[in-house]
């Protein structure tokens, strides 16, 4: 595997290479050289080491960052100076947690921000060797200590797919959204002489950083009134990925000291075998200064700038990365990058002018990795009644709805050739035409009785769910087909089957008025577990406030794994030209879950 070189351009991001070096006694003004047993003093070496945005893509320490530092032979001591665990000749036994103190002062060594030992334990010089080797990992909370082997320079770090940027300014229609710097992983590695009095740290960033500016075109509704476009988030999908794994392993062995200020010498590499054709998606949403979820209204010519941190996938395997702009209005905005991503990559995406006839998000399933299991998906659904005709079905499809409960439309079809359970011809034909025009999509149809004979009569491919395939069905298995399930099958959730839902969680509810309804996002047992709503089983689904509560729960969930299952809505409100904004937002929030979370793959 070729290595992705992280030689950074300070004009883009001032996050620079890792240096651990010792200051000589005459450099720091009279310090006594260290001796075995003394605490190792760590400090930040240079202004180029940064962990928070302070200006145009410059990043600086803010203080309070926690860094795990490993040593090959150092002792570990407590604050009383007692040795907790001595170093060993075999090496790499000890590590300790340190907190960064903000850089202060204007003197000769003003860039030497100090580290303070956390948890009352620190590393001390050992008499075992004249040299000590160190690795530093930021941030500590994303490091899997048990899965890391510093003796080989391998560190296991969490892959965060559900990221958030904090909107810090919105001057003259230009929104700036600062990223969560806990996603900006950095690693240090060097060997120093143990008689030097302290060790300086410069951290080398390892993540691929994508700087995205979204600029809106014009947005005109049928009335001729110009309204803003509502951006709900941005997803970045890499053509090759980790295969649904929550951690990746990074080899920091080759990261070395920077010999020139401002130049990174990072030469680490991802060691995991990538899954070709199994895409990896990072979703970036927006929060306000208090951390509350928010959406970005962009009028014509306005823009939002954000940052996504991607796993350090080798450059040559990133060509074809796709950026998708998610909007409450459900328009279809996506761009495919024709060049490979570098360690830092900057892109401006001008959105086209839109109007009510512009393409809607009819192909969101097409963007999904075909290896994802059906039981991991988040699918917006709708109940069909006698008022639903082909025009209504097409509007629902244009909103992103992919599941349909057609129980109220079923009838017994009989003629001189055959007899079977059926639904109205115009609806069957609407389903067929949609799948013909969108062969990478699929539709889920839930019915009272088996409708497969009806679909056979119209030559529509289908995928019949059964107890032996419901857990293994993937997106690829179902593309261009109608996925059928009917009430008598025992894999559909009904009252009294909560144990089944806990095991499979494919369909978290039969309908949203069920007393057993729950969203299947991991970690949620019931909607009211957060205290946001209570007695929700008695709520009327037609109440827009109830839909809004479901929406709030969906966008506030910050886990790394999760999905909603099929969320079936009653009475989606729309006129000839406009969709009720509550329904738009809820449907888009459900769709977004397919890009936010790490999902299991075949």
Protein backbone atom coordinates (compact mmCIF):
# COMPACT_ATOMS: atom_id res chain seq x y z
CA UNK A 1 0.00 0.00 0.00
CA UNK A 2 1.38 3.41 -0.91
CA UNK A 3 1.69 5.85 1.93
CA UNK A 4 -0.30 9.07 2.03
CA UNK A 5 2.26 11.78 2.67
CA UNK A 6 1.06 14.54 4.99
CA UNK A 7 3.28 17.42 3.88
CA UNK A 8 1.01 20.30 4.73
CA UNK A 9 0.69 23.72 3.19
CA UNK A 10 0.52 26.41 5.83
CA UNK A 11 -1.45 28.59 3.45
CA UNK A 12 -4.24 26.05 3.74
CA UNK A 13 -4.03 24.74 7.31
CA UNK A 14 -1.35 25.51 9.86
CA UNK A 15 -1.30 22.05 11.39
CA UNK A 16 2.26 20.86 11.10
CA UNK A 17 4.70 18.03 11.63
CA UNK A 18 5.55 16.27 14.79
CA UNK A 19 8.77 17.03 16.63
CA UNK A 20 9.88 15.67 19.94
CA UNK A 21 13.24 17.19 20.72
CA UNK A 22 15.24 18.05 23.84
CA UNK A 23 16.25 21.59 24.78
CA UNK A 24 19.88 21.97 25.80
CA UNK A 25 20.63 23.56 29.16
CA UNK A 26 21.87 26.82 27.64
CA UNK A 27 18.74 27.04 25.49
CA UNK A 28 16.36 27.40 28.40
CA UNK A 29 18.47 29.37 30.83
CA UNK A 30 20.12 27.41 33.60
CA UNK A 31 18.00 24.26 33.88
CA UNK A 32 19.77 21.29 35.43
CA UNK A 33 20.05 18.27 33.12
CA UNK A 34 17.59 15.52 33.93
CA UNK A 35 18.61 12.42 35.90
CA UNK A 36 17.00 9.00 36.28
CA UNK A 37 13.88 9.31 38.47
CA UNK A 38 13.15 12.91 37.50
CA UNK A 39 9.78 13.72 35.99
CA UNK A 40 9.88 14.12 32.22
CA UNK A 41 8.80 17.65 31.37
CA UNK A 42 6.73 17.86 28.19
CA UNK A 43 5.88 21.03 26.31
CA UNK A 44 4.44 22.17 22.99
CA UNK A 45 7.29 23.22 20.77
CA UNK A 46 6.09 25.63 18.10
CA UNK A 47 3.30 27.85 16.87
CA UNK A 48 2.70 25.44 14.03
CA UNK A 49 1.12 22.94 16.44
CA UNK A 50 -2.53 23.89 16.72
CA UNK A 51 -5.91 22.40 17.66
CA UNK A 52 -8.56 25.11 17.18
CA UNK A 53 -9.44 27.52 14.41
CA UNK A 54 -8.43 31.10 15.19
CA UNK A 55 -8.53 32.75 11.74
CA UNK A 56 -8.65 31.77 8.08
CA UNK A 57 -7.97 28.05 8.49
CA UNK A 58 -5.32 28.62 11.13
CA UNK A 59 -5.48 26.27 14.05
CA UNK A 60 -4.14 26.85 17.54
CA UNK A 61 -4.14 25.19 20.95
CA UNK A 62 -6.90 26.43 23.24
CA UNK A 63 -5.78 24.60 26.37
CA UNK A 64 -7.31 21.63 28.11
CA UNK A 65 -6.57 19.16 25.31
CA UNK A 66 -5.76 15.70 26.63
CA UNK A 67 -2.89 13.77 25.11
CA UNK A 68 -1.74 10.22 25.82
CA UNK A 69 2.05 9.87 25.85
CA UNK A 70 3.77 6.48 25.59
CA UNK A 71 7.39 5.70 26.40
CA UNK A 72 9.53 2.68 25.70
CA UNK A 73 11.49 2.54 28.98
CA UNK A 74 10.25 5.38 31.21
CA UNK A 75 8.97 4.76 34.73
CA UNK A 76 5.46 5.75 35.80
CA UNK A 77 5.19 7.63 39.10
CA UNK A 78 2.47 9.19 41.23
CA UNK A 79 2.47 12.73 42.60
CA UNK A 80 4.30 11.56 45.74
CA UNK A 81 7.23 10.50 43.55
CA UNK A 82 6.57 6.84 44.19
CA UNK A 83 7.11 4.48 41.28
CA UNK A 84 3.78 3.00 40.22
CA UNK A 85 5.20 0.78 37.45
CA UNK A 86 8.89 0.76 36.56
CA UNK A 87 10.10 0.67 32.99
CA UNK A 88 11.39 -2.60 31.63
CA UNK A 89 14.11 -3.61 29.24
CA UNK A 90 11.38 -5.06 26.99
CA UNK A 91 9.98 -1.55 26.71
CA UNK A 92 6.61 0.10 26.02
CA UNK A 93 5.05 -0.74 29.34
CA UNK A 94 4.10 2.74 30.52
CA UNK A 95 1.97 5.63 29.34
CA UNK A 96 0.39 8.64 31.02
CA UNK A 97 -2.26 11.25 30.29
CA UNK A 98 -1.33 14.93 30.01
CA UNK A 99 -3.32 18.14 29.63
CA UNK A 100 -2.13 21.04 27.46
CA UNK A 101 -1.73 24.48 29.04
CA UNK A 102 -2.31 27.39 26.59
CA UNK A 103 0.80 29.01 25.13
CA UNK A 104 1.57 32.31 26.88
CA UNK A 105 4.31 34.93 26.96
CA UNK A 106 6.30 36.82 24.36
CA UNK A 107 9.83 35.79 25.25
CA UNK A 108 12.32 33.64 23.43
CA UNK A 109 10.45 30.47 24.28
CA UNK A 110 6.90 31.79 24.10
CA UNK A 111 5.83 28.75 22.08
CA UNK A 112 6.64 26.30 24.83
CA UNK A 113 3.13 25.58 26.09
CA UNK A 114 3.34 23.26 29.06
CA UNK A 115 1.80 19.84 29.67
CA UNK A 116 0.38 18.95 33.07
CA UNK A 117 0.09 15.34 34.16
CA UNK A 118 -3.50 14.17 34.56
CA UNK A 119 -4.82 11.57 37.02
CA UNK A 120 -1.83 12.25 39.33
CA UNK A 121 0.47 9.97 37.34
CA UNK A 122 3.40 10.98 35.17
CA UNK A 123 6.34 9.55 33.25
CA UNK A 124 9.85 9.75 34.70
CA UNK A 125 13.30 9.22 33.26
CA UNK A 126 14.56 5.69 33.67
CA UNK A 127 18.09 4.41 34.28
CA UNK A 128 17.48 1.58 31.83
CA UNK A 129 18.66 3.49 28.77
CA UNK A 130 20.48 6.65 27.72
CA UNK A 131 17.70 7.33 25.21
CA UNK A 132 13.93 7.32 25.53
CA UNK A 133 11.45 6.92 22.71
CA UNK A 134 8.02 8.57 22.80
CA UNK A 135 4.68 8.49 21.01
CA UNK A 136 2.04 11.14 21.65
CA UNK A 137 -1.60 10.69 20.59
CA UNK A 138 -4.26 13.40 20.38
CA UNK A 139 -7.07 13.18 21.38
CA UNK A 140 -6.82 10.61 24.12
CA UNK A 141 -10.57 9.99 24.22
CA UNK A 142 -10.57 8.66 20.64
CA UNK A 143 -7.70 6.23 21.28
CA UNK A 144 -8.41 2.54 21.87
CA UNK A 145 -5.62 1.72 24.29
CA UNK A 146 -6.33 -2.01 24.34
CA UNK A 147 -6.20 -2.22 20.54
CA UNK A 148 -2.94 -0.26 20.21
CA UNK A 149 0.58 -1.74 20.16
CA UNK A 150 3.14 1.06 20.58
CA UNK A 151 5.97 -1.46 20.33
CA UNK A 152 5.06 -1.64 16.64
CA UNK A 153 4.01 2.00 16.37
CA UNK A 154 0.38 0.96 15.78
CA UNK A 155 -2.46 2.96 17.29
CA UNK A 156 -6.15 2.21 16.99
CA UNK A 157 -8.33 5.32 16.66
CA UNK A 158 -12.06 5.73 16.44
CA UNK A 159 -13.61 6.58 13.08
CA UNK A 160 -16.14 9.36 13.70
CA UNK A 161 -18.71 9.51 10.91
CA UNK A 162 -21.29 11.73 12.64
CA UNK A 163 -19.52 15.10 12.90
CA UNK A 164 -20.77 18.57 13.78
CA UNK A 165 -19.48 22.04 12.97
CA UNK A 166 -20.28 24.99 15.24
CA UNK A 167 -21.58 28.05 13.40
CA UNK A 168 -19.45 30.91 14.71
CA UNK A 169 -20.39 33.78 12.37
CA UNK A 170 -22.82 34.73 9.64
CA UNK A 171 -21.69 38.09 8.34
CA UNK A 172 -23.06 39.32 5.01
CA UNK A 173 -24.63 35.97 4.26
CA UNK A 174 -21.38 34.04 4.74
CA UNK A 175 -21.62 31.40 7.46
CA UNK A 176 -18.44 30.05 9.03
CA UNK A 177 -18.74 26.71 10.82
CA UNK A 178 -15.78 25.67 12.98
CA UNK A 179 -15.23 21.90 13.24
CA UNK A 180 -14.96 19.79 16.36
CA UNK A 181 -11.19 19.56 16.71
CA UNK A 182 -11.48 16.26 18.56
CA UNK A 183 -11.79 14.85 15.03
CA UNK A 184 -8.41 16.33 14.02
CA UNK A 185 -6.26 13.40 15.12
CA UNK A 186 -2.53 14.07 15.59
CA UNK A 187 0.39 11.80 16.41
CA UNK A 188 3.92 12.38 17.70
CA UNK A 189 7.02 10.14 17.56
CA UNK A 190 10.69 10.66 18.39
CA UNK A 191 13.69 9.46 20.37
CA UNK A 192 15.59 11.80 22.70
CA UNK A 193 18.63 11.68 24.99
CA UNK A 194 17.46 11.11 28.55
CA UNK A 195 19.91 13.58 30.08
CA UNK A 196 18.18 16.52 28.43
CA UNK A 197 15.97 18.48 30.73
CA UNK A 198 12.64 18.39 28.89
CA UNK A 199 10.89 17.11 25.77
CA UNK A 200 9.18 19.33 23.24
CA UNK A 201 6.13 18.05 21.30
CA UNK A 202 4.98 19.00 17.84
CA UNK A 203 2.00 17.00 16.58
CA UNK A 204 1.52 15.85 13.01
CA UNK A 205 -2.11 15.66 11.78
CA UNK A 206 -3.02 12.33 10.21
CA UNK A 207 -6.61 12.86 9.02
CA UNK A 208 -7.53 14.01 5.53
CA UNK A 209 -9.07 17.46 5.97
CA UNK A 210 -11.70 18.58 3.47
CA UNK A 211 -12.55 22.30 3.48
CA UNK A 212 -15.94 22.79 1.76
CA UNK A 213 -17.70 26.01 0.78
CA UNK A 214 -21.32 25.70 -0.35
CA UNK A 215 -22.65 28.71 -2.28
CA UNK A 216 -26.37 28.97 -3.04
CA UNK A 217 -27.89 29.92 -6.36
CA UNK A 218 -31.39 31.31 -6.71
CA UNK A 219 -34.37 29.57 -5.15
CA UNK A 220 -37.82 30.40 -6.44
CA UNK A 221 -41.10 28.84 -5.33
CA UNK A 222 -44.24 28.73 -7.44
CA UNK A 223 -45.51 32.05 -6.09
CA UNK A 224 -42.47 33.85 -7.44
CA UNK A 225 -41.31 34.71 -3.91
CA UNK A 226 -37.61 34.14 -3.34
CA UNK A 227 -37.04 31.98 -0.25
CA UNK A 228 -33.85 30.63 1.28
CA UNK A 229 -32.62 27.10 0.70
CA UNK A 230 -32.33 25.18 3.98
CA UNK A 231 -29.11 23.14 4.29
CA UNK A 232 -29.48 20.33 6.85
CA UNK A 233 -26.01 18.86 6.44
CA UNK A 234 -23.27 17.76 4.07
CA UNK A 235 -22.11 14.20 3.49
CA UNK A 236 -18.77 13.12 2.03
CA UNK A 237 -18.65 9.59 0.64
CA UNK A 238 -15.29 7.97 -0.11
CA UNK A 239 -15.24 5.34 -2.87
CA UNK A 240 -13.31 2.89 -0.65
CA UNK A 241 -13.64 2.50 3.06
CA UNK A 242 -13.14 0.59 6.27
CA UNK A 243 -16.04 -1.77 5.64
CA UNK A 244 -18.22 -0.53 8.48
CA UNK A 245 -15.51 -0.75 11.14
CA UNK A 246 -15.61 1.74 13.99
CA UNK A 247 -11.81 1.91 14.41
CA UNK A 248 -8.84 2.22 12.10
CA UNK A 249 -5.19 1.39 12.84
CA UNK A 250 -2.50 3.96 12.10
CA UNK A 251 1.23 3.21 11.87
CA UNK A 252 3.16 6.15 13.32
CA UNK A 253 6.60 4.52 13.15
CA UNK A 254 7.89 6.64 10.27
CA UNK A 255 6.70 9.98 11.63
CA UNK A 256 9.87 11.89 12.47
CA UNK A 257 11.05 15.25 13.73
CA UNK A 258 10.47 18.26 11.56
CA UNK A 259 13.83 19.77 10.60
CA UNK A 260 12.32 22.93 9.12
CA UNK A 261 9.78 25.04 10.95
CA UNK A 262 6.41 24.98 9.24
CA UNK A 263 7.07 21.79 7.31
CA UNK A 264 5.53 18.47 8.29
CA UNK A 265 7.56 15.30 8.10
CA UNK A 266 4.58 13.04 8.72
CA UNK A 267 4.98 9.72 6.93
CA UNK A 268 2.60 7.47 8.80
CA UNK A 269 0.07 5.27 7.07
CA UNK A 270 -3.23 3.51 7.46
CA UNK A 271 -2.57 -0.19 7.98
CA UNK A 272 -6.11 -1.58 7.61
CA UNK A 273 -7.04 -3.39 4.43
CA UNK A 274 -9.55 -1.20 2.64
CA UNK A 275 -12.76 -2.65 1.26
CA UNK A 276 -12.82 -1.78 -2.42
CA UNK A 277 -16.27 -0.70 -3.50
CA UNK A 278 -17.47 -0.39 0.10
CA UNK A 279 -17.89 3.33 0.47
CA UNK A 280 -17.31 5.26 3.69
CA UNK A 281 -19.52 8.24 4.51
CA UNK A 282 -18.91 11.18 6.86
CA UNK A 283 -21.87 13.42 7.65
CA UNK A 284 -21.37 16.99 8.89
CA UNK A 285 -24.28 18.75 10.57
CA UNK A 286 -24.44 22.16 12.23
CA UNK A 287 -24.84 23.32 15.82
CA UNK A 288 -25.10 26.76 17.40
CA UNK A 289 -22.78 28.19 20.05
CA UNK A 290 -24.68 26.21 22.71
CA UNK A 291 -24.36 22.95 20.82
CA UNK A 292 -28.00 22.80 19.73
CA UNK A 293 -28.71 21.37 16.24
CA UNK A 294 -29.44 23.99 13.61
CA UNK A 295 -30.04 24.32 9.89
CA UNK A 296 -28.54 26.91 7.57
CA UNK A 297 -30.90 29.10 5.47
CA UNK A 298 -29.03 30.22 2.35
CA UNK A 299 -30.51 32.92 0.15
CA UNK A 300 -29.18 33.55 -3.33
CA UNK A 301 -25.40 34.03 -3.32
CA UNK A 302 -24.98 33.21 0.39
CA UNK A 303 -22.57 30.53 1.54
CA UNK A 304 -21.57 28.17 4.35
CA UNK A 305 -18.00 27.01 4.95
CA UNK A 306 -17.34 23.83 6.88
CA UNK A 307 -14.70 21.17 7.48
CA UNK A 308 -14.93 17.39 7.33
CA UNK A 309 -12.24 15.12 8.78
CA UNK A 310 -11.86 11.90 6.81
CA UNK A 311 -9.91 8.77 7.72
CA UNK A 312 -6.33 8.73 6.33
CA UNK A 313 -7.13 6.64 3.26
CA UNK A 314 -4.25 6.67 0.74
CA UNK A 315 -4.54 9.46 -1.82
CA UNK A 316 -4.70 7.16 -4.83
CA UNK A 317 -7.84 5.51 -3.46
CA UNK A 318 -9.90 8.70 -3.04
CA UNK A 319 -10.62 9.65 -6.67
CA UNK A 320 -14.39 9.78 -7.12
CA UNK A 321 -15.17 11.09 -3.63
CA UNK A 322 -18.71 12.43 -3.63
CA UNK A 323 -19.98 15.48 -1.76
CA UNK A 324 -23.72 15.70 -1.23
CA UNK A 325 -25.56 18.76 0.10
CA UNK A 326 -28.65 17.75 2.09
CA UNK A 327 -31.54 20.22 2.18
CA UNK A 328 -34.92 20.30 3.90
CA UNK A 329 -36.47 20.95 0.50
CA UNK A 330 -35.06 17.60 -0.63
CA UNK A 331 -33.37 18.89 -3.77
CA UNK A 332 -30.73 16.69 -5.35
CA UNK A 333 -27.34 18.40 -4.95
CA UNK A 334 -24.23 16.28 -5.33
CA UNK A 335 -20.76 16.66 -6.84
CA UNK A 336 -18.15 14.01 -7.63
CA UNK A 337 -14.49 15.00 -7.26
CA UNK A 338 -12.47 13.95 -10.28
CA UNK A 339 -9.11 14.41 -8.56
CA UNK A 340 -7.69 12.48 -5.60
CA UNK A 341 -7.87 14.06 -2.16
CA UNK A 342 -4.66 15.43 -0.68
CA UNK A 343 -3.95 15.74 3.04
CA UNK A 344 -5.71 19.11 2.82
CA UNK A 345 -8.25 19.67 0.09
CA UNK A 346 -10.30 22.78 -0.61
CA UNK A 347 -13.43 22.78 -2.74
CA UNK A 348 -16.15 25.32 -3.57
CA UNK A 349 -19.52 23.93 -4.66
CA UNK A 350 -21.84 26.41 -6.39
CA UNK A 351 -25.42 25.16 -6.14
CA UNK A 352 -27.59 25.57 -9.26
CA UNK A 353 -30.63 27.80 -9.38
CA UNK A 354 -33.67 25.86 -8.22
CA UNK A 355 -37.42 26.10 -8.62
CA UNK A 356 -40.35 23.79 -7.85
CA UNK A 357 -39.61 21.76 -11.00
CA UNK A 358 -35.95 21.15 -10.15
CA UNK A 359 -34.92 17.51 -9.59
CA UNK A 360 -35.78 16.18 -6.16
CA UNK A 361 -33.83 13.66 -4.13
CA UNK A 362 -35.13 10.66 -6.07
CA UNK A 363 -31.91 8.66 -5.90
CA UNK A 364 -30.74 8.63 -2.30
CA UNK A 365 -30.66 4.82 -2.14
CA UNK A 366 -28.48 4.83 -5.26
CA UNK A 367 -25.79 6.64 -3.26
CA UNK A 368 -25.64 3.93 -0.59
CA UNK A 369 -23.06 1.17 -0.35
CA UNK A 370 -24.75 -1.92 -1.77
CA UNK A 371 -23.25 -4.08 1.01
CA UNK A 372 -25.31 -2.38 3.75
CA UNK A 373 -27.96 -4.58 5.30
CA UNK A 374 -31.63 -3.68 4.95
CA UNK A 375 -32.02 -3.93 8.72
CA UNK A 376 -29.53 -1.03 9.08
CA UNK A 377 -31.39 1.45 6.89
CA UNK A 378 -33.43 4.52 7.72
CA UNK A 379 -36.40 4.66 5.33
CA UNK A 380 -39.22 7.23 5.25
CA UNK A 381 -42.58 5.62 4.53
CA UNK A 382 -46.18 6.69 3.94
CA UNK A 383 -49.63 5.25 4.50
CA UNK A 384 -51.73 5.05 1.34
CA UNK A 385 -55.51 5.52 1.40
CA UNK A 386 -58.31 5.77 -1.11
CA UNK A 387 -57.30 9.35 -1.95
CA UNK A 388 -53.87 8.27 -3.19
CA UNK A 389 -53.49 8.06 -6.94
CA UNK A 390 -50.45 7.86 -9.21
CA UNK A 391 -49.86 11.60 -8.93
CA UNK A 392 -49.74 11.41 -5.14
CA UNK A 393 -47.41 8.39 -5.27
CA UNK A 394 -45.05 10.26 -7.59
CA UNK A 395 -44.99 13.25 -5.23
CA UNK A 396 -44.18 10.97 -2.32
CA UNK A 397 -41.39 9.36 -4.35
CA UNK A 398 -40.00 12.80 -5.19
CA UNK A 399 -39.87 13.56 -1.46
CA UNK A 400 -37.66 10.51 -0.88
CA UNK A 401 -40.38 8.21 0.46
CA UNK A 402 -39.44 4.59 -0.29
CA UNK A 403 -41.85 2.54 1.82
CA UNK A 404 -45.59 2.29 1.33
CA UNK A 405 -48.27 0.74 3.50
CA UNK A 406 -50.99 -0.18 1.00
CA UNK A 407 -53.29 -2.22 3.27
CA UNK A 408 -56.23 0.13 2.76
CA UNK A 409 -55.93 -0.14 -1.03
CA UNK A 410 -56.00 -3.93 -1.32
CA UNK A 411 -58.82 -5.76 -3.09
CA UNK A 412 -59.47 -9.21 -4.53
CA UNK A 413 -58.79 -9.27 -8.26
CA UNK A 414 -60.47 -12.01 -10.27
CA UNK A 415 -60.94 -12.57 -14.00
CA UNK A 416 -61.21 -15.54 -16.37
CA UNK A 417 -57.42 -16.08 -16.23
CA UNK A 418 -56.44 -15.64 -12.61
CA UNK A 419 -57.32 -14.32 -9.19
CA UNK A 420 -55.10 -12.70 -6.60
CA UNK A 421 -54.82 -9.91 -4.05
CA UNK A 422 -54.10 -6.60 -5.79
CA UNK A 423 -53.80 -2.85 -5.46
CA UNK A 424 -54.98 -0.23 -8.02
CA UNK A 425 -53.38 -0.54 -11.45
CA UNK A 426 -52.22 3.08 -11.65
CA UNK A 427 -50.27 2.69 -8.40
CA UNK A 428 -48.65 -0.55 -9.55
CA UNK A 429 -47.67 1.15 -12.80
CA UNK A 430 -46.28 4.14 -10.90
CA UNK A 431 -44.07 1.80 -8.85
CA UNK A 432 -42.91 0.01 -12.01
CA UNK A 433 -42.09 3.23 -13.88
CA UNK A 434 -40.12 4.59 -10.94
CA UNK A 435 -37.99 1.45 -10.71
CA UNK A 436 -37.41 1.42 -14.46
CA UNK A 437 -36.21 5.03 -14.35
CA UNK A 438 -34.21 4.50 -11.14
CA UNK A 439 -32.75 0.97 -11.32
CA UNK A 440 -30.47 1.45 -8.29
CA UNK A 441 -33.40 2.23 -5.99
CA UNK A 442 -35.90 -0.14 -4.39
CA UNK A 443 -39.37 0.23 -2.89
CA UNK A 444 -40.70 -1.43 0.22
CA UNK A 445 -44.39 -2.36 0.11
CA UNK A 446 -46.19 -3.55 3.24
CA UNK A 447 -49.57 -5.12 2.75
CA UNK A 448 -52.28 -7.16 4.47
CA UNK A 449 -51.91 -10.06 2.05
CA UNK A 450 -49.30 -11.39 -0.35
CA UNK A 451 -49.24 -9.14 -3.46
CA UNK A 452 -46.52 -10.93 -5.41
CA UNK A 453 -48.99 -12.36 -7.93
CA UNK A 454 -50.10 -8.80 -8.60
CA UNK A 455 -46.51 -7.72 -9.27
CA UNK A 456 -45.96 -10.79 -11.47
CA UNK A 457 -48.93 -9.75 -13.59
CA UNK A 458 -47.19 -6.45 -14.36
CA UNK A 459 -43.74 -8.00 -14.74
CA UNK A 460 -42.25 -6.13 -11.78
CA UNK A 461 -39.22 -7.75 -10.08
CA UNK A 462 -39.67 -8.24 -6.36
CA UNK A 463 -37.74 -9.43 -3.34
CA UNK A 464 -39.92 -11.39 -0.93
CA UNK A 465 -38.83 -11.05 2.66
CA UNK A 466 -38.98 -14.15 4.80
CA UNK A 467 -37.64 -15.22 8.16
CA UNK A 468 -34.57 -16.79 6.53
CA UNK A 469 -33.48 -13.68 4.58
CA UNK A 470 -34.73 -10.69 6.50
CA UNK A 471 -31.50 -10.41 8.48
CA UNK A 472 -29.15 -10.94 5.52
CA UNK A 473 -30.82 -8.86 2.78
CA UNK A 474 -28.55 -6.09 1.45
CA UNK A 475 -29.16 -3.01 -0.66
CA UNK A 476 -27.65 -4.82 -3.67
CA UNK A 477 -30.10 -7.72 -3.23
CA UNK A 478 -33.04 -5.34 -3.48
CA UNK A 479 -32.04 -2.77 -6.09
CA UNK A 480 -34.62 -2.28 -8.90
CA UNK A 481 -37.14 -4.44 -7.00
CA UNK A 482 -40.22 -4.10 -4.87
CA UNK A 483 -39.45 -5.52 -1.43
CA UNK A 484 -42.61 -7.19 -0.16
CA UNK A 485 -43.77 -8.01 3.33
CA UNK A 486 -47.25 -8.70 4.61
CA UNK A 487 -48.77 -8.69 8.04
CA UNK A 488 -48.96 -12.42 8.62
CA UNK A 489 -45.18 -12.75 8.46
CA UNK A 490 -43.64 -13.00 11.90
CA UNK A 491 -40.70 -10.69 11.27
CA UNK A 492 -42.78 -7.53 11.18
CA UNK A 493 -43.01 -5.81 14.52
CA UNK A 494 -46.41 -5.87 16.16
CA UNK A 495 -47.66 -5.29 19.70
CA UNK A 496 -46.13 -7.74 22.13
CA UNK A 497 -43.02 -8.46 20.04
CA UNK A 498 -40.61 -6.06 21.70
CA UNK A 499 -38.11 -8.88 22.30
CA UNK A 500 -37.94 -9.48 18.56
CA UNK A 501 -37.32 -5.81 17.93
CA UNK A 502 -34.42 -5.82 20.38
CA UNK A 503 -32.78 -8.59 18.36
CA UNK A 504 -33.45 -7.46 14.80
CA UNK A 505 -34.88 -3.95 14.79
CA UNK A 506 -35.70 -4.03 11.10
CA UNK A 507 -39.12 -2.46 11.41
CA UNK A 508 -39.37 -0.64 14.73
CA UNK A 509 -43.11 -0.17 14.47
CA UNK A 510 -46.22 -1.18 12.60
CA UNK A 511 -47.47 2.36 12.75
CA UNK A 512 -46.53 5.42 14.72
CA UNK A 513 -49.68 5.24 16.85
CA UNK A 514 -48.71 1.85 18.22
CA UNK A 515 -48.12 1.84 21.96
CA UNK A 516 -44.91 -0.05 21.28
CA UNK A 517 -43.46 2.39 18.76
CA UNK A 518 -39.79 3.11 19.18
CA UNK A 519 -37.02 4.48 17.03
CA UNK A 520 -34.31 1.90 16.44
CA UNK A 521 -31.36 4.20 16.95
CA UNK A 522 -28.85 2.35 19.09
CA UNK A 523 -29.07 3.32 22.73
CA UNK A 524 -32.72 4.40 22.59
CA UNK A 525 -35.21 2.10 24.23
CA UNK A 526 -38.18 4.38 23.77
CA UNK A 527 -38.89 7.80 22.38
CA UNK A 528 -39.56 9.16 25.83
CA UNK A 529 -36.25 7.95 27.27
CA UNK A 530 -34.84 11.44 26.82
CA UNK A 531 -37.81 13.07 28.52
CA UNK A 532 -38.68 14.97 25.36
CA UNK A 533 -42.14 13.43 25.06
CA UNK A 534 -44.25 11.24 27.26
CA UNK A 535 -47.33 9.09 26.71
CA UNK A 536 -46.42 9.25 23.04
CA UNK A 537 -48.29 6.04 22.31
CA UNK A 538 -51.51 7.95 22.76
CA UNK A 539 -50.44 10.83 20.56
CA UNK A 540 -52.21 11.35 17.26
CA UNK A 541 -49.75 10.86 14.42
CA UNK A 542 -51.58 13.50 12.39
CA UNK A 543 -50.54 16.13 14.92
CA UNK A 544 -47.67 18.13 13.39
CA UNK A 545 -46.23 18.65 16.87
CA UNK A 546 -45.81 14.89 17.18
CA UNK A 547 -43.96 14.72 13.88
CA UNK A 548 -41.79 17.60 15.04
CA UNK A 549 -40.94 15.64 18.20
CA UNK A 550 -39.83 12.67 16.09
CA UNK A 551 -37.77 15.06 13.96
CA UNK A 552 -36.09 16.58 17.01
CA UNK A 553 -35.15 13.18 18.37
CA UNK A 554 -33.70 12.13 15.03
CA UNK A 555 -31.44 15.14 14.47
CA UNK A 556 -30.27 15.29 18.10
CA UNK A 557 -29.01 11.71 18.24
CA UNK A 558 -25.20 11.90 18.25
CA UNK A 559 -24.23 8.23 18.35
CA UNK A 560 -21.87 6.58 15.89
CA UNK A 561 -24.19 3.70 15.13
CA UNK A 562 -27.91 3.97 14.57
CA UNK A 563 -30.82 3.82 12.18
CA UNK A 564 -34.53 4.54 12.32
CA UNK A 565 -35.88 1.51 10.49
CA UNK A 566 -38.97 2.28 8.42
CA UNK A 567 -40.78 5.32 9.79
CA UNK A 568 -44.28 5.33 8.30
CA UNK A 569 -46.14 8.65 8.32
CA UNK A 570 -49.84 9.31 8.07
CA UNK A 571 -51.31 12.20 6.10
CA UNK A 572 -48.22 13.81 4.62
CA UNK A 573 -49.39 17.32 3.85
CA UNK A 574 -48.90 18.95 0.48
CA UNK A 575 -50.67 21.09 -2.06
CA UNK A 576 -50.20 21.02 -5.83
CA UNK A 577 -46.87 22.80 -5.60
CA UNK A 578 -45.60 22.74 -2.04
CA UNK A 579 -44.93 20.19 0.68
CA UNK A 580 -45.56 20.96 4.34
CA UNK A 581 -42.19 21.94 5.77
CA UNK A 582 -42.61 19.69 8.83
CA UNK A 583 -42.96 16.65 6.57
CA UNK A 584 -40.05 17.76 4.39
CA UNK A 585 -37.74 18.16 7.36
CA UNK A 586 -38.73 14.87 8.96
CA UNK A 587 -38.32 12.87 5.74
CA UNK A 588 -34.94 14.46 5.03
CA UNK A 589 -33.80 13.83 8.62
CA UNK A 590 -34.65 10.14 8.23
CA UNK A 591 -32.76 9.93 4.92
CA UNK A 592 -29.75 11.70 6.45
CA UNK A 593 -29.36 8.89 9.00
CA UNK A 594 -28.14 6.61 6.21
CA UNK A 595 -25.12 8.89 5.77
CA UNK A 596 -24.49 9.80 9.43
CA UNK A 597 -23.84 6.47 11.04
CA UNK A 598 -21.44 3.57 10.70
CA UNK A 599 -23.61 0.76 9.37
CA UNK A 600 -22.93 -2.97 9.24
CA UNK A 601 -21.98 -4.35 5.85
CA UNK A 602 -21.94 -7.79 4.31
